[in-house]
Protein backbone atom coordinates (compact mmCIF):
# COMPACT_ATOMS: atom_id res chain seq x y z
CA UNK A 1 0.01 -0.03 -0.13
CA UNK A 2 1.29 3.45 -1.17
CA UNK A 3 0.82 6.83 0.75
CA UNK A 4 1.19 10.64 0.20
CA UNK A 5 1.67 13.42 2.45
CA UNK A 6 2.05 17.17 1.31
CA UNK A 7 4.54 19.52 3.65
CA UNK A 8 7.32 21.59 3.34
CA UNK A 9 10.67 20.88 3.30
CA UNK A 10 12.69 21.20 6.69
CA UNK A 11 16.06 19.48 6.24
CA UNK A 12 17.73 17.09 3.94
CA UNK A 13 20.47 15.09 5.16
CA UNK A 14 23.79 13.88 3.53
CA UNK A 15 23.97 10.90 1.46
CA UNK A 16 24.73 7.76 4.06
CA UNK A 17 26.76 5.17 1.99
CA UNK A 18 27.60 1.67 3.13
CA UNK A 19 31.16 0.47 3.54
CA UNK A 20 30.92 -3.05 2.45
CA UNK A 21 28.18 -2.89 -0.26
CA UNK A 22 26.64 -0.54 -3.09
CA UNK A 23 23.28 0.63 -0.81
CA UNK A 24 23.28 4.25 -0.21
CA UNK A 25 20.42 6.29 1.06
CA UNK A 26 19.73 9.49 1.96
CA UNK A 27 17.25 11.69 4.87
CA UNK A 28 15.06 14.12 4.94
CA UNK A 29 12.23 15.65 6.78
CA UNK A 30 8.92 16.92 5.59
CA UNK A 31 6.98 19.40 7.78
CA UNK A 32 3.35 19.00 7.62
CA UNK A 33 0.61 22.01 6.73
CA UNK A 34 -1.91 20.35 9.37
CA UNK A 35 -3.51 22.32 12.79
CA UNK A 36 -1.04 20.86 14.84
CA UNK A 37 2.11 20.20 12.40
CA UNK A 38 4.50 17.59 12.78
CA UNK A 39 7.68 16.84 11.45
CA UNK A 40 8.12 13.43 9.50
CA UNK A 41 11.36 11.82 8.30
CA UNK A 42 11.45 9.85 5.27
CA UNK A 43 14.16 7.82 3.58
CA UNK A 44 15.40 7.86 -0.27
CA UNK A 45 16.69 4.51 -1.38
CA UNK A 46 19.74 4.23 -3.95
CA UNK A 47 18.58 5.52 -7.09
CA UNK A 48 15.31 7.31 -5.32
CA UNK A 49 17.92 9.54 -3.45
CA UNK A 50 18.66 11.59 -6.70
CA UNK A 51 15.26 13.22 -6.42
CA UNK A 52 16.76 14.68 -3.46
CA UNK A 53 19.13 17.21 -5.59
CA UNK A 54 18.05 20.92 -5.86
CA UNK A 55 16.01 20.64 -3.05
CA UNK A 56 16.23 23.05 -0.40
CA UNK A 57 14.46 24.35 3.01
CA UNK A 58 11.44 25.69 2.87
CA UNK A 59 10.12 24.11 -0.59
CA UNK A 60 6.78 22.73 -0.92
CA UNK A 61 6.62 19.10 -2.03
CA UNK A 62 4.54 15.91 -2.20
CA UNK A 63 5.85 12.67 -0.95
CA UNK A 64 4.52 9.32 -2.30
CA UNK A 65 5.85 6.64 0.21
CA UNK A 66 5.68 2.98 1.59
CA UNK A 67 5.95 1.70 5.08
CA UNK A 68 8.46 -0.81 5.95
CA UNK A 69 8.36 -2.71 9.23
CA UNK A 70 11.08 -4.54 10.60
CA UNK A 71 12.31 -6.45 13.73
CA UNK A 72 15.82 -6.50 14.76
CA UNK A 73 17.26 -8.05 18.10
CA UNK A 74 13.74 -8.05 19.83
CA UNK A 75 13.24 -4.36 18.74
CA UNK A 76 10.67 -2.92 15.98
CA UNK A 77 11.23 -0.29 13.44
CA UNK A 78 9.07 1.46 10.88
CA UNK A 79 10.75 3.08 7.81
CA UNK A 80 8.78 5.40 5.67
CA UNK A 81 10.47 4.83 2.10
CA UNK A 82 10.44 7.70 0.23
CA UNK A 83 9.42 6.55 -4.18
CA UNK A 84 9.03 9.61 -5.34
CA UNK A 85 9.55 13.57 -4.29
CA UNK A 86 8.11 16.36 -6.99
CA UNK A 87 8.05 19.68 -5.78
CA UNK A 88 4.34 21.87 -6.02
CA UNK A 89 3.11 22.98 -9.01
CA UNK A 90 3.51 26.82 -8.20
CA UNK A 91 7.32 26.30 -7.30
CA UNK A 92 7.91 24.57 -10.53
CA UNK A 93 6.22 27.24 -12.67
CA UNK A 94 8.47 29.76 -10.49
CA UNK A 95 11.60 27.82 -11.51
CA UNK A 96 10.55 28.00 -15.05
CA UNK A 97 9.83 32.03 -15.07
CA UNK A 98 13.36 32.21 -13.48
CA UNK A 99 15.02 30.23 -16.42
CA UNK A 100 13.27 32.66 -18.79
CA UNK A 101 15.75 35.39 -20.16
CA UNK A 102 15.15 38.72 -19.40
CA UNK A 103 13.91 41.07 -22.44
CA UNK A 104 12.03 37.65 -23.87
CA UNK A 105 8.19 37.87 -24.54
CA UNK A 106 6.04 34.97 -24.61
CA UNK A 107 5.14 34.77 -28.12
CA UNK A 108 1.42 34.97 -28.74
CA UNK A 109 0.69 31.46 -30.11
């Protein structure tokens, strides 16, 4: 089952790499826009972590993720594995506008 959460990027951590394998991940925190906001930490594994390039604190995002649970030494852990991270539509439009060279007008067709 997949879930999604909208919010604002609070923190993007550096990539963590395993010394013994090709495994790597990057974690990030999103603050929800609820009446009582909460900070939710996600993990993006391997190539999914490339989606975090260019994200900065304050960006509005939509995160699609799966819940993963596991047991280790009689302790239980839950991970939120992000598989799709998208900037909010308004921010994407702003980025496109900023890339337009000055003095260029939109063509009427």
